[in-house]
PDB file of N, CA and C in Angstrom:
ATOM      1  N   UNK A   1      -9.057  -2.669 -28.001  1.00  0.00           N
ATOM      2  CA  UNK A   1      -8.018  -2.820 -27.007  1.00  0.00           C
ATOM      3  C   UNK A   1      -8.599  -2.552 -25.622  1.00  0.00           C
ATOM      4  N   UNK A   2      -8.292  -3.402 -24.671  1.00  0.00           N
ATOM      5  CA  UNK A   2      -8.844  -3.242 -23.326  1.00  0.00           C
ATOM      6  C   UNK A   2      -7.983  -2.302 -22.485  1.00  0.00           C
ATOM      7  N   UNK A   3      -8.616  -1.742 -21.483  1.00  0.00           N
ATOM      8  CA  UNK A   3      -7.924  -0.847 -20.558  1.00  0.00           C
ATOM      9  C   UNK A   3      -6.977  -1.661 -19.675  1.00  0.00           C
ATOM     10  N   UNK A   4      -5.826  -1.097 -19.288  1.00  0.00           N
ATOM     11  CA  UNK A   4      -4.941  -1.807 -18.369  1.00  0.00           C
ATOM     12  C   UNK A   4      -5.621  -1.970 -17.003  1.00  0.00           C
ATOM     13  N   UNK A   5      -5.326  -3.057 -16.341  1.00  0.00           N
ATOM     14  CA  UNK A   5      -5.883  -3.303 -15.008  1.00  0.00           C
ATOM     15  C   UNK A   5      -4.742  -3.580 -14.039  1.00  0.00           C
ATOM     16  N   UNK A   6      -4.923  -3.262 -12.759  1.00  0.00           N
ATOM     17  CA  UNK A   6      -3.891  -3.519 -11.763  1.00  0.00           C
ATOM     18  C   UNK A   6      -3.597  -5.014 -11.661  1.00  0.00           C
ATOM     19  N   UNK A   7      -2.349  -5.337 -11.452  1.00  0.00           N
ATOM     20  CA  UNK A   7      -1.920  -6.724 -11.314  1.00  0.00           C
ATOM     21  C   UNK A   7      -1.699  -7.022  -9.836  1.00  0.00           C
ATOM     22  N   UNK A   8      -2.733  -7.520  -9.189  1.00  0.00           N
ATOM     23  CA  UNK A   8      -2.689  -7.783  -7.766  1.00  0.00           C
ATOM     24  C   UNK A   8      -1.582  -8.766  -7.390  1.00  0.00           C
ATOM     25  N   UNK A   9      -1.367  -9.777  -8.222  1.00  0.00           N
ATOM     26  CA  UNK A   9      -0.315 -10.761  -7.943  1.00  0.00           C
ATOM     27  C   UNK A   9       1.074 -10.117  -7.980  1.00  0.00           C
ATOM     28  N   UNK A  10       1.302  -9.232  -8.929  1.00  0.00           N
ATOM     29  CA  UNK A  10       2.588  -8.533  -9.009  1.00  0.00           C
ATOM     30  C   UNK A  10       2.782  -7.626  -7.798  1.00  0.00           C
ATOM     31  N   UNK A  11       1.701  -6.959  -7.367  1.00  0.00           N
ATOM     32  CA  UNK A  11       1.789  -6.109  -6.180  1.00  0.00           C
ATOM     33  C   UNK A  11       2.154  -6.945  -4.961  1.00  0.00           C
ATOM     34  N   UNK A  12       1.501  -8.089  -4.813  1.00  0.00           N
ATOM     35  CA  UNK A  12       1.770  -8.960  -3.668  1.00  0.00           C
ATOM     36  C   UNK A  12       3.212  -9.465  -3.702  1.00  0.00           C
ATOM     37  N   UNK A  13       3.691  -9.855  -4.866  1.00  0.00           N
ATOM     38  CA  UNK A  13       5.070 -10.329  -4.999  1.00  0.00           C
ATOM     39  C   UNK A  13       6.060  -9.215  -4.646  1.00  0.00           C
ATOM     40  N   UNK A  14       5.765  -8.011  -5.072  1.00  0.00           N
ATOM     41  CA  UNK A  14       6.631  -6.859  -4.760  1.00  0.00           C
ATOM     42  C   UNK A  14       6.665  -6.621  -3.246  1.00  0.00           C
ATOM     43  N   UNK A  15       5.511  -6.661  -2.617  1.00  0.00           N
ATOM     44  CA  UNK A  15       5.453  -6.469  -1.167  1.00  0.00           C
ATOM     45  C   UNK A  15       6.195  -7.576  -0.423  1.00  0.00           C
ATOM     46  N   UNK A  16       6.050  -8.817  -0.889  1.00  0.00           N
ATOM     47  CA  UNK A  16       6.777  -9.931  -0.255  1.00  0.00           C
ATOM     48  C   UNK A  16       8.280  -9.732  -0.387  1.00  0.00           C
ATOM     49  N   UNK A  17       8.724  -9.263  -1.554  1.00  0.00           N
ATOM     50  CA  UNK A  17      10.155  -9.027  -1.753  1.00  0.00           C
ATOM     51  C   UNK A  17      10.683  -7.936  -0.816  1.00  0.00           C
ATOM     52  N   UNK A  18       9.880  -6.912  -0.589  1.00  0.00           N
ATOM     53  CA  UNK A  18      10.309  -5.810   0.272  1.00  0.00           C
ATOM     54  C   UNK A  18      10.163  -6.103   1.761  1.00  0.00           C
ATOM     55  N   UNK A  19       9.057  -6.717   2.145  1.00  0.00           N
ATOM     56  CA  UNK A  19       8.710  -6.816   3.555  1.00  0.00           C
ATOM     57  C   UNK A  19       8.411  -8.229   4.045  1.00  0.00           C
ATOM     58  N   UNK A  20       8.639  -9.229   3.218  1.00  0.00           N
ATOM     59  CA  UNK A  20       8.226 -10.585   3.560  1.00  0.00           C
ATOM     60  C   UNK A  20       9.105 -11.328   4.530  1.00  0.00           C
ATOM     61  N   UNK A  21      10.329 -10.885   4.754  1.00  0.00           N
ATOM     62  CA  UNK A  21      11.250 -11.620   5.616  1.00  0.00           C
ATOM     63  C   UNK A  21      11.935 -10.652   6.575  1.00  0.00           C
ATOM     64  N   UNK A  22      11.144 -10.011   7.404  1.00  0.00           N
ATOM     65  CA  UNK A  22      11.667  -9.003   8.316  1.00  0.00           C
ATOM     66  C   UNK A  22      12.177  -9.620   9.606  1.00  0.00           C
ATOM     67  N   UNK A  23      13.239  -9.037  10.195  1.00  0.00           N
ATOM     68  CA  UNK A  23      13.690  -9.493  11.507  1.00  0.00           C
ATOM     69  C   UNK A  23      12.583  -9.298  12.546  1.00  0.00           C
ATOM     70  N   UNK A  24      12.624 -10.065  13.605  1.00  0.00           N
ATOM     71  CA  UNK A  24      11.582 -10.047  14.630  1.00  0.00           C
ATOM     72  C   UNK A  24      11.224  -8.681  15.168  1.00  0.00           C
ATOM     73  N   UNK A  25      12.229  -7.827  15.413  1.00  0.00           N
ATOM     74  CA  UNK A  25      11.923  -6.527  16.017  1.00  0.00           C
ATOM     75  C   UNK A  25      11.184  -5.584  15.065  1.00  0.00           C
ATOM     76  N   UNK A  26      11.158  -5.906  13.781  1.00  0.00           N
ATOM     77  CA  UNK A  26      10.426  -5.080  12.821  1.00  0.00           C
ATOM     78  C   UNK A  26       9.029  -5.619  12.525  1.00  0.00           C
ATOM     79  N   UNK A  27       8.693  -6.751  13.086  1.00  0.00           N
ATOM     80  CA  UNK A  27       7.402  -7.384  12.810  1.00  0.00           C
ATOM     81  C   UNK A  27       6.205  -6.571  13.308  1.00  0.00           C
ATOM     82  N   UNK A  28       6.432  -5.585  14.159  1.00  0.00           N
ATOM     83  CA  UNK A  28       5.296  -4.772  14.631  1.00  0.00           C
ATOM     84  C   UNK A  28       5.167  -3.461  13.855  1.00  0.00           C
ATOM     85  N   UNK A  29       5.947  -3.308  12.785  1.00  0.00           N
ATOM     86  CA  UNK A  29       5.860  -2.105  11.966  1.00  0.00           C
ATOM     87  C   UNK A  29       4.594  -2.082  11.115  1.00  0.00           C
ATOM     88  N   UNK A  30       4.353  -0.942  10.515  1.00  0.00           N
ATOM     89  CA  UNK A  30       3.177  -0.764   9.657  1.00  0.00           C
ATOM     90  C   UNK A  30       3.622  -0.442   8.232  1.00  0.00           C
ATOM     91  N   UNK A  31       2.879  -0.943   7.275  1.00  0.00           N
ATOM     92  CA  UNK A  31       3.057  -0.588   5.872  1.00  0.00           C
ATOM     93  C   UNK A  31       2.068   0.519   5.550  1.00  0.00           C
ATOM     94  N   UNK A  32       2.492   1.460   4.731  1.00  0.00           N
ATOM     95  CA  UNK A  32       1.599   2.534   4.320  1.00  0.00           C
ATOM     96  C   UNK A  32       1.387   2.477   2.813  1.00  0.00           C
ATOM     97  N   UNK A  33       0.127   2.547   2.415  1.00  0.00           N
ATOM     98  CA  UNK A  33      -0.156   2.804   1.004  1.00  0.00           C
ATOM     99  C   UNK A  33      -0.825   4.175   0.935  1.00  0.00           C
ATOM    100  N   UNK A  34      -0.509   4.901  -0.100  1.00  0.00           N
ATOM    101  CA  UNK A  34      -1.111   6.217  -0.332  1.00  0.00           C
ATOM    102  C   UNK A  34      -1.626   6.244  -1.753  1.00  0.00           C
ATOM    103  N   UNK A  35      -2.605   7.090  -1.987  1.00  0.00           N
ATOM    104  CA  UNK A  35      -3.134   7.186  -3.338  1.00  0.00           C
ATOM    105  C   UNK A  35      -3.659   8.582  -3.612  1.00  0.00           C
ATOM    106  N   UNK A  36      -3.743   8.869  -4.896  1.00  0.00           N
ATOM    107  CA  UNK A  36      -4.184  10.190  -5.320  1.00  0.00           C
ATOM    108  C   UNK A  36      -5.703  10.269  -5.344  1.00  0.00           C
ATOM    109  N   UNK A  37      -6.198  11.455  -5.107  1.00  0.00           N
ATOM    110  CA  UNK A  37      -7.621  11.731  -5.227  1.00  0.00           C
ATOM    111  C   UNK A  37      -7.941  11.805  -6.716  1.00  0.00           C
ATOM    112  N   UNK A  38      -8.945  11.067  -7.195  1.00  0.00           N
ATOM    113  CA  UNK A  38      -9.214  11.055  -8.635  1.00  0.00           C
ATOM    114  C   UNK A  38      -9.689  12.397  -9.187  1.00  0.00           C
ATOM    115  N   UNK A  39     -10.228  13.263  -8.346  1.00  0.00           N
ATOM    116  CA  UNK A  39     -10.719  14.559  -8.829  1.00  0.00           C
ATOM    117  C   UNK A  39      -9.637  15.630  -8.825  1.00  0.00           C
ATOM    118  N   UNK A  40      -8.810  15.645  -7.771  1.00  0.00           N
ATOM    119  CA  UNK A  40      -7.795  16.703  -7.657  1.00  0.00           C
ATOM    120  C   UNK A  40      -6.417  16.258  -8.116  1.00  0.00           C
ATOM    121  N   UNK A  41      -6.173  14.949  -8.130  1.00  0.00           N
ATOM    122  CA  UNK A  41      -4.858  14.437  -8.485  1.00  0.00           C
ATOM    123  C   UNK A  41      -3.844  14.534  -7.357  1.00  0.00           C
ATOM    124  N   UNK A  42      -4.265  15.057  -6.208  1.00  0.00           N
ATOM    125  CA  UNK A  42      -3.349  15.221  -5.078  1.00  0.00           C
ATOM    126  C   UNK A  42      -3.174  13.905  -4.324  1.00  0.00           C
ATOM    127  N   UNK A  43      -1.962  13.662  -3.881  1.00  0.00           N
ATOM    128  CA  UNK A  43      -1.656  12.494  -3.063  1.00  0.00           C
ATOM    129  C   UNK A  43      -2.101  12.812  -1.639  1.00  0.00           C
ATOM    130  N   UNK A  44      -3.344  12.460  -1.331  1.00  0.00           N
ATOM    131  CA  UNK A  44      -3.927  12.922  -0.074  1.00  0.00           C
ATOM    132  C   UNK A  44      -4.594  11.825   0.740  1.00  0.00           C
ATOM    133  N   UNK A  45      -4.547  10.604   0.281  1.00  0.00           N
ATOM    134  CA  UNK A  45      -5.230   9.520   0.978  1.00  0.00           C
ATOM    135  C   UNK A  45      -4.224   8.434   1.322  1.00  0.00           C
ATOM    136  N   UNK A  46      -4.444   7.773   2.463  1.00  0.00           N
ATOM    137  CA  UNK A  46      -3.524   6.706   2.851  1.00  0.00           C
ATOM    138  C   UNK A  46      -4.183   5.757   3.844  1.00  0.00           C
ATOM    139  N   UNK A  47      -3.543   4.629   4.016  1.00  0.00           N
ATOM    140  CA  UNK A  47      -3.996   3.634   4.974  1.00  0.00           C
ATOM    141  C   UNK A  47      -2.775   2.839   5.423  1.00  0.00           C
ATOM    142  N   UNK A  48      -2.769   2.440   6.688  1.00  0.00           N
ATOM    143  CA  UNK A  48      -1.668   1.666   7.262  1.00  0.00           C
ATOM    144  C   UNK A  48      -2.138   0.252   7.576  1.00  0.00           C
ATOM    145  N   UNK A  49      -1.208  -0.695   7.428  1.00  0.00           N
ATOM    146  CA  UNK A  49      -1.505  -2.108   7.662  1.00  0.00           C
ATOM    147  C   UNK A  49      -0.362  -2.752   8.435  1.00  0.00           C
ATOM    148  N   UNK A  50      -0.666  -3.734   9.289  1.00  0.00           N
ATOM    149  CA  UNK A  50       0.404  -4.515   9.916  1.00  0.00           C
ATOM    150  C   UNK A  50       1.191  -5.265   8.841  1.00  0.00           C
ATOM    151  N   UNK A  51       2.484  -5.500   9.091  1.00  0.00           N
ATOM    152  CA  UNK A  51       3.334  -6.135   8.074  1.00  0.00           C
ATOM    153  C   UNK A  51       2.931  -7.574   7.771  1.00  0.00           C
ATOM    154  N   UNK A  52       2.149  -8.186   8.633  1.00  0.00           N
ATOM    155  CA  UNK A  52       1.722  -9.567   8.359  1.00  0.00           C
ATOM    156  C   UNK A  52       0.445  -9.631   7.517  1.00  0.00           C
ATOM    157  N   UNK A  53       0.042  -8.519   6.931  1.00  0.00           N
ATOM    158  CA  UNK A  53      -1.182  -8.445   6.112  1.00  0.00           C
ATOM    159  C   UNK A  53      -0.862  -8.092   4.662  1.00  0.00           C
ATOM    160  N   UNK A  54       0.219  -8.640   4.120  1.00  0.00           N
ATOM    161  CA  UNK A  54       0.645  -8.279   2.761  1.00  0.00           C
ATOM    162  C   UNK A  54      -0.414  -8.577   1.715  1.00  0.00           C
ATOM    163  N   UNK A  55      -1.116  -9.679   1.872  1.00  0.00           N
ATOM    164  CA  UNK A  55      -2.161 -10.026   0.914  1.00  0.00           C
ATOM    165  C   UNK A  55      -3.286  -8.998   0.951  1.00  0.00           C
ATOM    166  N   UNK A  56      -3.663  -8.570   2.140  1.00  0.00           N
ATOM    167  CA  UNK A  56      -4.710  -7.549   2.281  1.00  0.00           C
ATOM    168  C   UNK A  56      -4.253  -6.218   1.682  1.00  0.00           C
ATOM    169  N   UNK A  57      -2.987  -5.869   1.899  1.00  0.00           N
ATOM    170  CA  UNK A  57      -2.443  -4.635   1.327  1.00  0.00           C
ATOM    171  C   UNK A  57      -2.545  -4.681  -0.197  1.00  0.00           C
ATOM    172  N   UNK A  58      -2.157  -5.809  -0.783  1.00  0.00           N
ATOM    173  CA  UNK A  58      -2.225  -5.958  -2.242  1.00  0.00           C
ATOM    174  C   UNK A  58      -3.667  -5.866  -2.735  1.00  0.00           C
ATOM    175  N   UNK A  59      -4.606  -6.454  -1.998  1.00  0.00           N
ATOM    176  CA  UNK A  59      -6.022  -6.388  -2.378  1.00  0.00           C
ATOM    177  C   UNK A  59      -6.514  -4.939  -2.408  1.00  0.00           C
ATOM    178  N   UNK A  60      -6.232  -4.198  -1.339  1.00  0.00           N
ATOM    179  CA  UNK A  60      -6.679  -2.805  -1.255  1.00  0.00           C
ATOM    180  C   UNK A  60      -5.998  -1.969  -2.333  1.00  0.00           C
ATOM    181  N   UNK A  61      -4.696  -2.154  -2.507  1.00  0.00           N
ATOM    182  CA  UNK A  61      -3.960  -1.379  -3.510  1.00  0.00           C
ATOM    183  C   UNK A  61      -4.512  -1.633  -4.920  1.00  0.00           C
ATOM    184  N   UNK A  62      -4.832  -2.875  -5.226  1.00  0.00           N
ATOM    185  CA  UNK A  62      -5.375  -3.195  -6.548  1.00  0.00           C
ATOM    186  C   UNK A  62      -6.753  -2.552  -6.742  1.00  0.00           C
ATOM    187  N   UNK A  63      -7.594  -2.592  -5.703  1.00  0.00           N
ATOM    188  CA  UNK A  63      -8.916  -1.953  -5.799  1.00  0.00           C
ATOM    189  C   UNK A  63      -8.786  -0.443  -5.990  1.00  0.00           C
ATOM    190  N   UNK A  64      -7.906   0.175  -5.215  1.00  0.00           N
ATOM    191  CA  UNK A  64      -7.701   1.621  -5.312  1.00  0.00           C
ATOM    192  C   UNK A  64      -7.170   1.983  -6.693  1.00  0.00           C
ATOM    193  N   UNK A  65      -6.188   1.222  -7.179  1.00  0.00           N
ATOM    194  CA  UNK A  65      -5.546   1.516  -8.448  1.00  0.00           C
ATOM    195  C   UNK A  65      -6.468   1.272  -9.641  1.00  0.00           C
ATOM    196  N   UNK A  66      -7.533   0.518  -9.443  1.00  0.00           N
ATOM    197  CA  UNK A  66      -8.480   0.230 -10.522  1.00  0.00           C
ATOM    198  C   UNK A  66      -9.396   1.415 -10.824  1.00  0.00           C
ATOM    199  N   UNK A  67      -9.434   2.401  -9.941  1.00  0.00           N
ATOM    200  CA  UNK A  67     -10.278   3.579 -10.141  1.00  0.00           C
ATOM    201  C   UNK A  67      -9.542   4.557 -11.062  1.00  0.00           C
ATOM    202  N   UNK A  68     -10.205   4.963 -12.114  1.00  0.00           N
ATOM    203  CA  UNK A  68      -9.602   5.912 -13.060  1.00  0.00           C
ATOM    204  C   UNK A  68      -9.169   7.179 -12.334  1.00  0.00           C
ATOM    205  N   UNK A  69      -7.952   7.605 -12.570  1.00  0.00           N
ATOM    206  CA  UNK A  69      -7.443   8.834 -11.962  1.00  0.00           C
ATOM    207  C   UNK A  69      -6.776   8.636 -10.624  1.00  0.00           C
ATOM    208  N   UNK A  70      -6.775   7.422 -10.106  1.00  0.00           N
ATOM    209  CA  UNK A  70      -6.113   7.156  -8.828  1.00  0.00           C
ATOM    210  C   UNK A  70      -4.838   6.371  -9.089  1.00  0.00           C
ATOM    211  N   UNK A  71      -3.738   6.882  -8.557  1.00  0.00           N
ATOM    212  CA  UNK A  71      -2.472   6.165  -8.584  1.00  0.00           C
ATOM    213  C   UNK A  71      -2.158   5.766  -7.154  1.00  0.00           C
ATOM    214  N   UNK A  72      -1.607   4.575  -6.981  1.00  0.00           N
ATOM    215  CA  UNK A  72      -1.325   4.069  -5.640  1.00  0.00           C
ATOM    216  C   UNK A  72       0.180   3.918  -5.458  1.00  0.00           C
ATOM    217  N   UNK A  73       0.637   4.170  -4.237  1.00  0.00           N
ATOM    218  CA  UNK A  73       2.056   4.122  -3.901  1.00  0.00           C
ATOM    219  C   UNK A  73       2.238   3.345  -2.598  1.00  0.00           C
ATOM    220  N   UNK A  74       3.297   2.541  -2.552  1.00  0.00           N
ATOM    221  CA  UNK A  74       3.666   1.848  -1.320  1.00  0.00           C
ATOM    222  C   UNK A  74       4.764   2.650  -0.641  1.00  0.00           C
ATOM    223  N   UNK A  75       4.639   2.857   0.666  1.00  0.00           N
ATOM    224  CA  UNK A  75       5.705   3.509   1.412  1.00  0.00           C
ATOM    225  C   UNK A  75       6.960   2.639   1.379  1.00  0.00           C
ATOM    226  N   UNK A  76       8.109   3.249   1.169  1.00  0.00           N
ATOM    227  CA  UNK A  76       9.356   2.498   1.048  1.00  0.00           C
ATOM    228  C   UNK A  76       9.911   2.059   2.392  1.00  0.00           C
ATOM    229  N   UNK A  77       9.464   2.667   3.449  1.00  0.00           N
ATOM    230  CA  UNK A  77       9.964   2.330   4.785  1.00  0.00           C
ATOM    231  C   UNK A  77       8.795   1.973   5.697  1.00  0.00           C
ATOM    232  N   UNK A  78       9.071   1.134   6.673  1.00  0.00           N
ATOM    233  CA  UNK A  78       8.040   0.799   7.656  1.00  0.00           C
ATOM    234  C   UNK A  78       7.732   2.005   8.517  1.00  0.00           C
ATOM    235  N   UNK A  79       6.515   2.071   9.008  1.00  0.00           N
ATOM    236  CA  UNK A  79       6.101   3.102   9.945  1.00  0.00           C
ATOM    237  C   UNK A  79       6.078   2.478  11.344  1.00  0.00           C
ATOM    238  N   UNK A  80       6.285   3.301  12.352  1.00  0.00           N
ATOM    239  CA  UNK A  80       6.220   2.808  13.726  1.00  0.00           C
ATOM    240  C   UNK A  80       4.806   2.332  14.030  1.00  0.00           C
ATOM    241  N   UNK A  81       4.714   1.353  14.899  1.00  0.00           N
ATOM    242  CA  UNK A  81       3.398   0.799  15.238  1.00  0.00           C
ATOM    243  C   UNK A  81       2.501   1.835  15.910  1.00  0.00           C
ATOM    244  N   UNK A  82       3.078   2.893  16.435  1.00  0.00           N
ATOM    245  CA  UNK A  82       2.300   3.944  17.102  1.00  0.00           C
ATOM    246  C   UNK A  82       1.856   5.053  16.143  1.00  0.00           C
ATOM    247  N   UNK A  83       2.201   4.929  14.869  1.00  0.00           N
ATOM    248  CA  UNK A  83       1.810   5.933  13.878  1.00  0.00           C
ATOM    249  C   UNK A  83       0.284   5.970  13.765  1.00  0.00           C
ATOM    250  N   UNK A  84      -0.318   7.168  13.857  1.00  0.00           N
ATOM    251  CA  UNK A  84      -1.769   7.236  13.652  1.00  0.00           C
ATOM    252  C   UNK A  84      -2.128   6.690  12.278  1.00  0.00           C
ATOM    253  N   UNK A  85      -3.067   5.792  12.224  1.00  0.00           N
ATOM    254  CA  UNK A  85      -3.359   5.078  10.986  1.00  0.00           C
ATOM    255  C   UNK A  85      -4.138   5.914   9.975  1.00  0.00           C
ATOM    256  N   UNK A  86      -4.569   7.089  10.333  1.00  0.00           N
ATOM    257  CA  UNK A  86      -5.313   7.929   9.407  1.00  0.00           C
ATOM    258  C   UNK A  86      -4.433   9.044   8.818  1.00  0.00           C
ATOM    259  N   UNK A  87      -3.145   9.074   9.167  1.00  0.00           N
ATOM    260  CA  UNK A  87      -2.263  10.134   8.692  1.00  0.00           C
ATOM    261  C   UNK A  87      -1.202   9.591   7.756  1.00  0.00           C
ATOM    262  N   UNK A  88      -0.788  10.411   6.819  1.00  0.00           N
ATOM    263  CA  UNK A  88       0.313  10.037   5.933  1.00  0.00           C
ATOM    264  C   UNK A  88       1.626  10.346   6.602  1.00  0.00           C
ATOM    265  N   UNK A  89       2.624   9.530   6.299  1.00  0.00           N
ATOM    266  CA  UNK A  89       3.966   9.791   6.846  1.00  0.00           C
ATOM    267  C   UNK A  89       4.692  10.801   5.988  1.00  0.00           C
TER     268      UNK A  89
END
């Protein structure tokens, strides 16, 4: 039996459903993905992306999720465009 692998297409479809048709004033928001550290299990890592980069977000999330011990999470709300991109919300 093979190990489960991240489904990048499903991630992209999920992101499109959540953020794919935003009103104009929200187009400058940021998406946040966060993930656990594989050694400590703590949710301590994150990265922000412009909302027009859904495919890139899915690519990064799939790569991160492919590492044993790392779980990846999508932020449920947009972040302000001025949010420091190295900090978690």
